Amino acid sequence: MTGEVGKETVQTTEDQIMKRDMPPAFIKSYLIDGSRGILSGTSDLLLTFDEAEVRLFFFFFFQKHMESNKTTLH
């Protein structure tokens, strides 16, 4: 609703500076939403990568630990 009023104001005004500067204000919300989505996706990707690295670390750690226990027990 607010966006429509702003668009109408820009279309009906004779102020050239307002016509030039206002459209980026409408696009600003789209850019912010897009940036938020990109950051969220990047964060999810990094968290997934970190979790995979932790699982890999523990896998090799426990595998090595189990092998050392086998040699100690025999």
Protein backbone atom coordinates (compact mmCIF):
# COMPACT_ATOMS: atom_id res chain seq x y z
CA MET A 1 0.00 0.00 0.00
CA THR A 2 2.72 2.47 0.93
CA GLY A 3 4.62 1.58 -2.23
CA GLU A 4 1.62 2.43 -4.40
CA VAL A 5 1.24 5.86 -2.81
CA GLY A 6 4.94 6.51 -3.35
CA LYS A 7 4.74 5.41 -6.98
CA GLU A 8 1.75 7.67 -7.60
CA THR A 9 3.57 10.59 -5.99
CA VAL A 10 6.61 10.06 -8.21
CA GLN A 11 4.45 9.80 -11.34
CA THR A 12 2.45 12.97 -10.63
CA THR A 13 5.19 15.25 -9.30
CA GLU A 14 6.95 17.83 -11.43
CA ASP A 15 10.07 17.67 -9.24
CA GLN A 16 12.73 16.03 -11.43
CA ILE A 17 15.01 15.26 -8.48
CA MET A 18 12.21 13.38 -6.74
CA LYS A 19 11.45 11.44 -9.93
CA ARG A 20 15.11 10.53 -10.24
CA ASP A 21 15.76 9.60 -6.60
CA MET A 22 12.55 7.84 -5.56
CA PRO A 23 12.57 4.69 -7.72
CA PRO A 24 15.69 3.34 -5.99
CA ALA A 25 13.77 3.60 -2.70
CA PHE A 26 11.20 1.14 -4.07
CA ILE A 27 13.91 -1.24 -5.19
CA LYS A 28 15.71 -1.00 -1.86
CA SER A 29 13.32 -3.44 -0.16
CA TYR A 30 13.85 -5.99 -2.95
CA LEU A 31 17.63 -5.64 -2.62
CA ILE A 32 17.46 -6.06 1.15
CA ASP A 33 15.26 -9.16 0.83
CA GLY A 34 17.58 -10.59 -1.82
CA SER A 35 20.65 -9.91 0.30
CA ARG A 36 18.96 -11.52 3.28
CA GLY A 37 18.26 -14.63 1.20
CA ILE A 38 21.83 -14.79 -0.09
CA LEU A 39 23.26 -14.42 3.42
CA SER A 40 20.88 -17.05 4.77
CA GLY A 41 21.83 -19.49 2.02
CA THR A 42 25.53 -18.85 2.51
CA SER A 43 25.18 -19.33 6.26
CA ASP A 44 23.31 -22.62 5.75
CA LEU A 45 25.98 -23.82 3.35
CA LEU A 46 28.80 -22.97 5.76
CA LEU A 47 27.02 -24.65 8.68
CA THR A 48 26.49 -27.78 6.60
CA PHE A 49 30.15 -27.78 5.60
CA ASP A 50 31.24 -27.28 9.23
CA GLU A 51 29.01 -30.12 10.43
CA ALA A 52 30.44 -32.40 7.74
CA GLU A 53 33.99 -31.49 8.77
CA VAL A 54 33.22 -32.24 12.43
CA ARG A 55 31.68 -35.60 11.52
CA LEU A 56 34.72 -36.44 9.38
CA PHE A 57 37.09 -35.48 12.19
CA PHE A 58 35.27 -37.68 14.71
CA PHE A 59 35.05 -40.56 12.24
CA PHE A 60 38.82 -40.62 11.74
CA PHE A 61 39.50 -39.94 15.42
CA PHE A 62 37.35 -42.86 16.59
CA GLN A 63 38.54 -45.11 13.79
CA LYS A 64 42.15 -44.52 14.84
CA HIS A 65 41.20 -44.95 18.50
CA MET A 66 39.46 -48.28 17.78
CA GLU A 67 42.47 -49.54 15.81
CA SER A 68 44.82 -48.66 18.67
CA ASN A 69 42.51 -50.47 21.12
CA LYS A 70 42.55 -53.60 18.93
CA THR A 71 46.34 -53.73 18.98
CA THR A 72 46.45 -53.07 22.72
CA LEU A 73 43.95 -55.83 23.53
CA HIS A 74 45.73 -58.52 21.47
